Protein backbone atom coordinates (compact mmCIF):
# COMPACT_ATOMS: atom_id res chain seq x y z
CA MET A 1 -47.85 -150.73 46.29
CA ASN A 2 -49.05 -147.71 44.34
CA GLU A 3 -50.36 -146.38 47.44
CA ALA A 4 -46.84 -146.57 49.21
CA LEU A 5 -45.19 -145.23 46.42
CA GLU A 6 -47.79 -142.15 45.98
CA VAL A 7 -47.04 -141.41 49.99
CA LEU A 8 -43.22 -141.47 49.39
CA ALA A 9 -43.61 -139.26 46.17
CA ASN A 10 -46.06 -136.69 48.01
CA PRO A 11 -45.11 -136.65 51.98
CA ASP A 12 -46.97 -134.95 54.26
CA HIS A 13 -46.27 -133.71 58.09
CA GLU A 14 -45.68 -137.20 59.04
CA ILE A 15 -43.57 -138.72 56.20
CA THR A 16 -40.09 -136.78 55.28
CA ARG A 17 -38.42 -136.37 51.94
CA ASP A 18 -35.71 -138.23 53.55
CA TRP A 19 -36.86 -141.82 52.82
CA VAL A 20 -34.62 -144.76 51.38
CA ILE A 21 -35.94 -147.80 49.73
CA ILE A 22 -33.25 -151.05 49.06
CA TYR A 23 -34.01 -153.19 45.93
CA ASP A 24 -31.66 -156.14 46.51
CA ASN A 25 -30.61 -158.91 43.81
CA VAL A 26 -32.74 -157.06 40.91
CA ASP A 27 -31.53 -159.81 38.47
CA ASP A 28 -34.99 -160.63 36.83
CA HIS A 29 -34.79 -159.08 33.32
CA ASP A 30 -38.57 -159.38 33.00
CA ILE A 31 -39.13 -156.85 35.90
CA ASN A 32 -39.34 -153.13 35.22
CA ILE A 33 -37.77 -151.90 38.21
CA ALA A 34 -38.77 -148.57 37.54
CA ASN A 35 -42.39 -149.07 38.04
CA TYR A 36 -41.63 -149.33 41.71
CA PHE A 37 -39.80 -146.00 41.96
CA PRO A 38 -41.80 -143.15 43.27
CA GLN A 39 -42.35 -140.28 40.67
CA CYS A 40 -40.39 -137.33 42.51
CA LEU A 41 -37.00 -135.83 43.11
CA PHE A 42 -36.12 -136.61 46.46
CA GLY A 43 -35.60 -139.38 48.65
CA THR A 44 -32.95 -142.27 47.93
CA ILE A 45 -33.14 -145.56 45.86
CA ILE A 46 -30.38 -148.34 46.29
CA LEU A 47 -30.51 -151.44 44.25
CA THR A 48 -28.20 -154.10 43.76
CA THR A 49 -28.08 -156.22 40.74
CA ARG A 50 -25.94 -158.16 38.25
CA ASN A 51 -27.94 -156.88 35.31
CA PRO A 52 -25.63 -154.14 33.74
CA ASN A 53 -28.38 -152.44 31.99
CA LEU A 54 -30.11 -151.16 35.04
CA GLY A 55 -26.99 -148.80 35.36
CA ASN A 56 -28.95 -146.81 32.75
CA LEU A 57 -31.60 -145.81 35.37
CA ALA A 58 -29.17 -143.30 36.92
CA PRO A 59 -25.95 -143.25 34.90
CA GLN A 60 -24.35 -140.34 37.05
CA SER A 61 -24.84 -142.60 40.26
CA HIS A 62 -24.13 -146.05 38.94
CA LEU A 63 -21.37 -147.81 40.77
CA LYS A 64 -20.06 -150.71 39.27
CA LEU A 65 -18.60 -153.57 41.58
CA ASP A 66 -16.02 -155.58 39.74
CA VAL A 67 -14.02 -158.53 41.57
CA MET A 68 -11.37 -157.78 44.02
CA PRO A 69 -7.64 -158.80 43.65
CA GLY A 70 -6.98 -162.18 45.78
CA ASP A 71 -4.92 -160.60 48.77
CA GLU A 72 -7.61 -157.71 49.16
CA ALA A 73 -10.45 -160.10 49.29
CA ILE A 74 -9.17 -162.43 51.71
CA GLU A 75 -8.46 -159.10 53.96
CA VAL A 76 -12.22 -158.00 53.73
CA LEU A 77 -13.36 -161.52 54.29
CA LEU A 78 -11.12 -161.78 57.39
CA ARG A 79 -12.34 -158.20 58.63
CA SER A 80 -16.20 -159.33 58.39
CA ALA A 81 -15.70 -162.26 59.78
CA PHE A 82 -13.54 -161.65 62.88
CA GLU A 83 -13.55 -159.10 65.89
CA PRO A 84 -10.63 -156.69 65.44
CA SER A 85 -9.11 -158.17 68.70
CA HIS A 86 -8.84 -161.48 66.91
CA LEU A 87 -5.35 -162.60 66.10
CA ILE A 88 -5.66 -164.08 62.29
CA THR A 89 -3.85 -167.66 61.96
CA GLU A 90 -2.40 -169.51 59.06
CA GLU A 91 -5.45 -171.54 58.91
CA ASP A 92 -7.81 -168.46 59.07
CA GLU A 93 -6.08 -167.02 55.81
CA ASN A 94 -6.13 -170.38 53.99
CA ARG A 95 -9.98 -171.08 54.67
CA ALA A 96 -10.56 -167.63 53.80
CA ARG A 97 -8.52 -168.12 50.50
CA GLU A 98 -10.45 -170.93 49.72
CA ILE A 99 -13.86 -169.21 50.45
CA ALA A 100 -12.84 -165.76 48.57
CA LYS A 101 -12.11 -168.11 45.29
CA GLU A 102 -15.30 -169.87 45.61
CA LEU A 103 -17.08 -166.55 45.87
CA GLY A 104 -15.49 -165.23 42.57
CA TYR A 105 -13.75 -162.46 44.64
CA LEU A 106 -16.97 -160.56 44.66
CA PRO A 107 -16.95 -157.66 47.38
CA VAL A 108 -20.57 -157.76 48.30
CA ALA A 109 -20.38 -161.87 48.61
CA LEU A 110 -17.44 -161.72 50.79
CA VAL A 111 -18.74 -159.22 53.25
CA GLN A 112 -21.92 -161.17 53.61
CA ALA A 113 -19.93 -164.54 53.74
CA GLY A 114 -18.01 -162.87 56.73
CA TYR A 115 -20.98 -162.30 58.90
């Protein structure tokens, strides 16, 4: 892992500075995720977490996603689940309403459930 971080921090002619690392579901409070960041001022790191303290790693770039209003959540779920040409039925809406409620109206969970 250290070798990979070193390559990203000091790119050569084969590696650019335009890299992206995605850490998904960084919820374990015992892991210091900053240990897995290359030591440089370029590149992009995206992490998803339910740990609000990790927003301190990049206070200027931290985006907190909160729960969605019910109608908006249902719309997001339906748009994720069906092709634009699909005519949404009342049954589709009722199922989406149940799923959205079960998922707590969380945006990322709703989009993932639609796929």
